[in-house]
Structures are given as structure tokens and as C-alpha cells.
């Protein structure tokens, strides 16, 4: 899968997770379709996809044994690094540490990791 296809997979998993885990009606920006996603966000999604893919690969596929929390933390940390890459002074919510993220976002990040795992099997 190319990095662009991986970025789309990331975005689709994010949107599905938001619809499943977000309490109430999510902000429009949370569920913006790929075609309307800003370029910086496409690049960030592709980079995080690639980091997760490489992590799974160099772990010999044993990431299936990680907990959902461990998977979620990995995605969140990779995303935070991308926010620092793309923004000089990112909003605090963009770079919050994993324990400070809302539970819906923690669950969605775990879903993203697992969607990438599934795409590689």
C-alpha cells in the first residue's frame, strides 16, 4: 500500500472511530471526507500510517499482542510529533499527552492502529 493509500486508510479509520466513539454530534472537521481534508493533515496521516506500518513490520507482527491502550498511545505520540512538524505553535489539544485525551479519541487511535494491522495481514 502506498503512503497516500495508507493516509486514506488512516483517515477512514479516524472517521469510523469518531462516528463510533464520539459522544453526540462530532464537529464537521472531525469527519471531513478525504477529498476535503487539508494537505497538512493528509501528509500527517500518511506519516503516522507509515510509522505504524514500520513498527508492525519490525516487530515481526507481534503488535497483535499489544493492548489497545499501547496501540492507542503509539498512534497518539506519532500524531503529536506530526503536529509539531506542521505547526510552529500547535493548539494544546493537538499535542495533549495520551492520558489527557478524551476517551473517544483514545479508542479511535486504537482503532486506527488495528485497521493498519488488519490491512497488512
Protein backbone atom coordinates (compact mmCIF):
# COMPACT_ATOMS: atom_id res chain seq x y z
CA UNK A 1 0.00 0.00 0.00
CA UNK A 2 1.37 3.41 -0.91
CA UNK A 3 1.73 6.14 1.70
CA UNK A 4 -1.17 8.01 0.08
CA UNK A 5 -3.37 4.93 0.28
CA UNK A 6 -2.21 4.47 3.87
CA UNK A 7 -3.13 8.07 4.64
CA UNK A 8 -6.62 7.46 3.26
CA UNK A 9 -6.90 4.29 5.35
CA UNK A 10 -5.85 6.31 8.42
CA UNK A 11 -8.46 8.99 7.66
CA UNK A 12 -11.23 6.47 7.02
CA UNK A 13 -10.42 4.66 10.28
CA UNK A 14 -10.42 8.01 12.10
CA UNK A 15 -13.85 8.93 10.71
CA UNK A 16 -15.28 5.49 11.52
CA UNK A 17 -13.88 5.72 15.05
CA UNK A 18 -15.29 9.19 15.58
CA UNK A 19 -18.73 8.00 14.46
CA UNK A 20 -18.49 5.01 16.81
CA UNK A 21 -16.93 6.58 19.91
CA UNK A 22 -17.66 10.34 19.90
CA UNK A 23 -20.45 11.26 22.32
CA UNK A 24 -23.08 13.22 20.43
CA UNK A 25 -22.59 15.02 17.14
CA UNK A 26 -18.90 15.42 16.17
CA UNK A 27 -17.52 18.67 14.80
CA UNK A 28 -17.59 18.75 11.00
CA UNK A 29 -13.78 18.87 10.86
CA UNK A 30 -13.58 15.52 12.65
CA UNK A 31 -15.44 13.77 9.83
CA UNK A 32 -14.34 15.76 6.78
CA UNK A 33 -14.06 13.40 3.82
CA UNK A 34 -10.66 12.72 2.28
CA UNK A 35 -11.34 14.94 -0.73
CA UNK A 36 -11.78 17.96 1.58
CA UNK A 37 -9.01 17.10 4.05
CA UNK A 38 -6.29 19.80 4.19
CA UNK A 39 -2.92 18.89 2.68
CA UNK A 40 -1.03 19.13 6.00
CA UNK A 41 -3.49 16.66 7.52
CA UNK A 42 -3.12 14.27 4.58
CA UNK A 43 0.65 14.40 4.99
CA UNK A 44 0.42 13.85 8.76
CA UNK A 45 -1.95 10.90 8.29
CA UNK A 46 0.42 9.37 5.74
CA UNK A 47 3.39 9.78 8.03
CA UNK A 48 1.62 8.22 11.01
CA UNK A 49 0.36 5.37 8.82
CA UNK A 50 3.94 4.73 7.72
CA UNK A 51 5.26 4.83 11.30
CA UNK A 52 2.66 2.32 12.45
CA UNK A 53 3.27 0.12 9.41
CA UNK A 54 7.02 0.09 10.02
CA UNK A 55 6.51 -0.58 13.74
CA UNK A 56 4.32 -3.59 12.93
CA UNK A 57 6.86 -4.79 10.35
CA UNK A 58 9.97 -4.52 12.54
CA UNK A 59 8.05 -6.13 15.41
CA UNK A 60 7.51 -9.20 13.28
CA UNK A 61 3.76 -8.86 13.53
CA UNK A 62 3.79 -9.31 17.31
CA UNK A 63 1.99 -6.00 17.79
CA UNK A 64 -1.23 -8.04 17.87
CA UNK A 65 -0.22 -8.84 21.45
CA UNK A 66 -0.17 -5.17 22.48
CA UNK A 67 -3.10 -3.84 24.46
CA UNK A 68 -5.49 -1.37 22.86
CA UNK A 69 -4.05 1.27 25.19
CA UNK A 70 -0.50 0.59 23.96
CA UNK A 71 -1.65 0.78 20.34
CA UNK A 72 -3.55 3.98 21.01
CA UNK A 73 -0.60 5.59 22.79
CA UNK A 74 1.66 4.83 19.83
CA UNK A 75 -0.70 6.45 17.33
CA UNK A 76 -1.23 9.46 19.61
CA UNK A 77 2.51 10.00 20.08
CA UNK A 78 3.19 9.75 16.35
CA UNK A 79 0.35 12.22 15.67
CA UNK A 80 1.72 14.67 18.27
CA UNK A 81 5.11 14.67 16.54
CA UNK A 82 3.37 15.49 13.27
CA UNK A 83 1.57 18.42 14.87
CA UNK A 84 4.91 19.85 15.98
CA UNK A 85 6.22 19.29 12.46
CA UNK A 86 3.33 21.08 10.74
CA UNK A 87 2.63 23.88 13.25
CA UNK A 88 5.02 26.24 14.99
CA UNK A 89 2.66 26.63 17.94
CA UNK A 90 0.00 23.90 17.74
CA UNK A 91 -3.19 24.16 19.75
CA UNK A 92 -2.79 22.45 23.15
CA UNK A 93 -5.47 19.91 22.22
CA UNK A 94 -3.42 18.87 19.17
CA UNK A 95 -0.44 17.93 21.34
CA UNK A 96 -2.09 16.73 24.54
CA UNK A 97 -0.45 13.76 26.22
CA UNK A 98 -2.36 10.48 25.87
CA UNK A 99 -3.87 10.45 29.41
CA UNK A 100 -5.29 13.91 28.73
CA UNK A 101 -7.09 12.87 25.52
CA UNK A 102 -10.82 12.22 25.70
CA UNK A 103 -11.72 8.53 25.81
CA UNK A 104 -13.37 8.69 22.37
CA UNK A 105 -10.06 9.83 20.88
CA UNK A 106 -8.07 7.16 22.73
CA UNK A 107 -10.43 4.48 21.37
CA UNK A 108 -10.31 5.94 17.87
CA UNK A 109 -6.49 5.92 17.91
CA UNK A 110 -6.54 2.23 18.89
CA UNK A 111 -8.99 1.57 16.04
CA UNK A 112 -6.58 3.26 13.62
CA UNK A 113 -3.69 1.05 14.72
CA UNK A 114 -5.85 -2.06 14.38
CA UNK A 115 -7.11 -1.00 10.93
CA UNK A 116 -3.49 -0.70 9.79
CA UNK A 117 -2.68 -4.10 11.32
CA UNK A 118 -5.63 -5.65 9.50
CA UNK A 119 -4.60 -4.09 6.17
CA UNK A 120 -1.20 -5.77 6.46
CA UNK A 121 -2.45 -9.28 7.18
